[in-house]
Amino acid sequence: MKVKEWIKVLSKLDPEESICVHYWQIGDVLHMAEEMGEKVTNDEAQEILEEIEDNIDSEMGVSWTTLRVNIEDLIKK
């Protein structure tokens, strides 16, 4: 999801309402790839984030392991 899409969603909420949001961004994917010794482009990082968002398991959430597994899947392609 793009930031502008989140802003649109958030703008519809009561500004006094409490929410819990945890977000991941391209820099997080690039950082994990670097830690793994892999090279990932910004476009690939965006693809990874979109894949995670499309297939998120809300029971499990998203973690550094989620990023690592999705980077590994991208590299295998």
Protein backbone atom coordinates (compact mmCIF):
# COMPACT_ATOMS: atom_id res chain seq x y z
CA MET A 1 0.00 0.00 0.00
CA LYS A 2 1.29 3.44 -0.83
CA VAL A 3 1.56 6.12 1.86
CA LYS A 4 -1.07 8.21 0.08
CA GLU A 5 -3.50 5.27 0.33
CA TRP A 6 -2.86 4.97 4.09
CA ILE A 7 -3.43 8.69 4.52
CA LYS A 8 -6.79 8.33 2.76
CA VAL A 9 -7.78 5.44 5.07
CA LEU A 10 -6.60 7.23 8.19
CA SER A 11 -8.35 10.46 7.25
CA LYS A 12 -11.69 8.66 7.62
CA LEU A 13 -11.01 7.74 11.26
CA ASP A 14 -11.87 9.73 14.35
CA PRO A 15 -8.61 11.58 15.17
CA GLU A 16 -9.20 10.85 18.87
CA GLU A 17 -9.54 7.09 18.30
CA SER A 18 -6.66 4.91 19.48
CA ILE A 19 -5.18 2.53 16.92
CA CYS A 20 -2.19 0.23 16.69
CA VAL A 21 -0.23 0.33 13.45
CA HIS A 22 3.06 -1.34 12.60
CA TYR A 23 4.44 -0.58 9.18
CA TRP A 24 7.29 -1.80 7.03
CA GLN A 25 8.90 0.15 4.24
CA ILE A 26 11.29 -0.35 1.35
CA GLY A 27 14.28 0.54 3.54
CA ASP A 28 13.47 -2.37 5.85
CA VAL A 29 13.49 -4.82 2.94
CA LEU A 30 16.76 -3.37 1.59
CA HIS A 31 18.31 -3.59 5.06
CA MET A 32 17.31 -7.24 5.49
CA ALA A 33 18.59 -8.10 2.00
CA GLU A 34 21.92 -6.46 2.84
CA GLU A 35 22.09 -8.43 6.11
CA MET A 36 21.53 -11.57 4.04
CA GLY A 37 24.29 -10.59 1.59
CA GLU A 38 21.76 -10.16 -1.22
CA LYS A 39 21.11 -7.28 -3.61
CA VAL A 40 17.50 -6.18 -3.98
CA THR A 41 16.36 -3.18 -6.02
CA ASN A 42 13.80 -0.64 -4.84
CA ASP A 43 11.31 -2.10 -7.32
CA GLU A 44 11.92 -5.61 -5.99
CA ALA A 45 11.55 -4.36 -2.41
CA GLN A 46 8.22 -2.78 -3.36
CA GLU A 47 7.17 -6.09 -4.96
CA ILE A 48 8.09 -7.93 -1.76
CA LEU A 49 6.06 -5.54 0.39
CA GLU A 50 3.07 -5.90 -1.93
CA GLU A 51 3.36 -9.69 -1.82
CA ILE A 52 3.46 -9.63 1.98
CA GLU A 53 0.47 -7.31 2.17
CA ASP A 54 -1.54 -9.42 -0.27
CA ASN A 55 -0.87 -12.61 1.70
CA ILE A 56 -0.64 -11.40 5.29
CA ASP A 57 -1.74 -13.80 8.00
CA SER A 58 -3.05 -11.52 10.74
CA GLU A 59 -2.63 -14.33 13.27
CA MET A 60 1.11 -14.46 12.54
CA GLY A 61 1.78 -10.82 11.64
CA VAL A 62 4.83 -9.55 9.78
CA SER A 63 8.35 -9.91 11.17
CA TRP A 64 11.95 -9.75 10.04
CA THR A 65 11.59 -13.45 9.29
CA THR A 66 8.68 -12.64 6.95
CA LEU A 67 10.90 -10.21 5.07
CA ARG A 68 13.76 -12.75 4.95
CA VAL A 69 11.54 -15.54 3.58
CA ASN A 70 10.04 -13.26 0.92
CA ILE A 71 13.50 -12.06 -0.15
CA GLU A 72 14.62 -15.69 -0.43
CA ASP A 73 11.52 -16.44 -2.55
CA LEU A 74 12.30 -13.51 -4.86
CA ILE A 75 15.90 -14.66 -5.29
CA LYS A 76 14.78 -18.21 -6.16
CA LYS A 77 12.67 -16.93 -9.08
